[in-house]
Amino acid sequence: MEELGIAEDELIDPAKARGYEFQETPEGTDVVSLEKRIGGFVVPSMNETLKDLRQETFRLYNGE
């Protein structure tokens, strides 16, 4: 991490890392714990956003 200017003591221990997502509901907002995998956190809202962007890009590229 030296090449990025990050000291070892500035890193988060992956075993202790937690992630949360805020999901809107008709009653307000729910805070949901994210699933953690070896490669990182699974963030459903990000996956949905990436899917939408991919579809929009495909439509623009194909002139739809």
C-alpha atoms as a PDB file:
ATOM      1  CA  MET A   1       0.000   0.000   0.000  1.00  0.00           C
ATOM      2  CA  GLU A   2       3.022   2.270   0.187  1.00  0.00           C
ATOM      3  CA  GLU A   3       2.658   3.174  -3.495  1.00  0.00           C
ATOM      4  CA  LEU A   4      -0.809   4.562  -2.675  1.00  0.00           C
ATOM      5  CA  GLY A   5       0.436   6.489   0.340  1.00  0.00           C
ATOM      6  CA  ILE A   6      -1.565   4.359   2.772  1.00  0.00           C
ATOM      7  CA  ALA A   7       0.066   3.223   6.004  1.00  0.00           C
ATOM      8  CA  GLU A   8      -0.552  -0.287   7.310  1.00  0.00           C
ATOM      9  CA  ASP A   9      -2.273   1.072  10.427  1.00  0.00           C
ATOM     10  CA  GLU A  10      -4.788   2.944   8.242  1.00  0.00           C
ATOM     11  CA  LEU A  11      -6.208  -0.248   6.736  1.00  0.00           C
ATOM     12  CA  ILE A  12      -9.420  -1.900   7.922  1.00  0.00           C
ATOM     13  CA  ASP A  13      -9.071  -5.517   8.982  1.00  0.00           C
ATOM     14  CA  PRO A  14     -11.279  -7.392   6.446  1.00  0.00           C
ATOM     15  CA  ALA A  15     -12.391  -9.810   9.165  1.00  0.00           C
ATOM     16  CA  LYS A  16     -13.812  -6.865  11.131  1.00  0.00           C
ATOM     17  CA  ALA A  17     -15.332  -4.969   8.191  1.00  0.00           C
ATOM     18  CA  ARG A  18     -19.105  -4.618   7.964  1.00  0.00           C
ATOM     19  CA  GLY A  19     -21.273  -3.040   5.310  1.00  0.00           C
ATOM     20  CA  TYR A  20     -24.831  -1.768   5.385  1.00  0.00           C
ATOM     21  CA  GLU A  21     -27.363  -0.652   2.820  1.00  0.00           C
ATOM     22  CA  PHE A  22     -30.266   1.714   3.360  1.00  0.00           C
ATOM     23  CA  GLN A  23     -33.433   0.472   1.667  1.00  0.00           C
ATOM     24  CA  GLU A  24     -36.497   2.672   1.275  1.00  0.00           C
ATOM     25  CA  THR A  25     -39.808   1.132   2.319  1.00  0.00           C
ATOM     26  CA  PRO A  26     -43.338   2.567   2.477  1.00  0.00           C
ATOM     27  CA  GLU A  27     -42.845   2.865   6.256  1.00  0.00           C
ATOM     28  CA  GLY A  28     -39.454   4.607   6.074  1.00  0.00           C
ATOM     29  CA  THR A  29     -35.933   3.261   5.709  1.00  0.00           C
ATOM     30  CA  ASP A  30     -34.545  -0.152   6.640  1.00  0.00           C
ATOM     31  CA  VAL A  31     -30.864  -0.659   7.407  1.00  0.00           C
ATOM     32  CA  VAL A  32     -29.775  -4.025   6.020  1.00  0.00           C
ATOM     33  CA  SER A  33     -26.478  -5.777   6.712  1.00  0.00           C
ATOM     34  CA  LEU A  34     -24.609  -6.649   3.505  1.00  0.00           C
ATOM     35  CA  GLU A  35     -23.382 -10.119   2.638  1.00  0.00           C
ATOM     36  CA  LYS A  36     -19.590 -10.305   2.704  1.00  0.00           C
ATOM     37  CA  ARG A  37     -17.674 -12.542   0.301  1.00  0.00           C
ATOM     38  CA  ILE A  38     -13.980 -13.025  -0.374  1.00  0.00           C
ATOM     39  CA  GLY A  39     -14.030 -10.298  -3.059  1.00  0.00           C
ATOM     40  CA  GLY A  40     -16.006  -7.776  -1.027  1.00  0.00           C
ATOM     41  CA  PHE A  41     -19.570  -6.912  -0.140  1.00  0.00           C
ATOM     42  CA  VAL A  42     -22.659  -7.806  -2.148  1.00  0.00           C
ATOM     43  CA  VAL A  43     -24.601  -4.556  -2.635  1.00  0.00           C
ATOM     44  CA  PRO A  44     -27.958  -5.241  -4.332  1.00  0.00           C
ATOM     45  CA  SER A  45     -28.686  -1.551  -5.068  1.00  0.00           C
ATOM     46  CA  MET A  46     -25.324  -1.158  -6.829  1.00  0.00           C
ATOM     47  CA  ASN A  47     -25.916  -4.304  -8.873  1.00  0.00           C
ATOM     48  CA  GLU A  48     -29.347  -2.998  -9.893  1.00  0.00           C
ATOM     49  CA  THR A  49     -27.868   0.389 -10.850  1.00  0.00           C
ATOM     50  CA  LEU A  50     -25.121  -1.250 -12.925  1.00  0.00           C
ATOM     51  CA  LYS A  51     -27.707  -3.426 -14.669  1.00  0.00           C
ATOM     52  CA  ASP A  52     -29.823  -0.355 -15.519  1.00  0.00           C
ATOM     53  CA  LEU A  53     -26.784   1.535 -16.833  1.00  0.00           C
ATOM     54  CA  ARG A  54     -25.756  -1.445 -18.954  1.00  0.00           C
ATOM     55  CA  GLN A  55     -29.231  -1.648 -20.476  1.00  0.00           C
ATOM     56  CA  GLU A  56     -29.329   2.103 -21.130  1.00  0.00           C
ATOM     57  CA  THR A  57     -25.887   2.002 -22.766  1.00  0.00           C
ATOM     58  CA  PHE A  58     -26.969  -0.924 -24.943  1.00  0.00           C
ATOM     59  CA  ARG A  59     -30.078   0.987 -26.085  1.00  0.00           C
ATOM     60  CA  LEU A  60     -28.056   4.131 -26.863  1.00  0.00           C
ATOM     61  CA  TYR A  61     -25.392   2.159 -28.703  1.00  0.00           C
ATOM     62  CA  ASN A  62     -27.996   0.385 -30.819  1.00  0.00           C
ATOM     63  CA  GLY A  63     -30.040   3.508 -31.505  1.00  0.00           C
ATOM     64  CA  GLU A  64     -33.159   2.293 -29.724  1.00  0.00           C
END
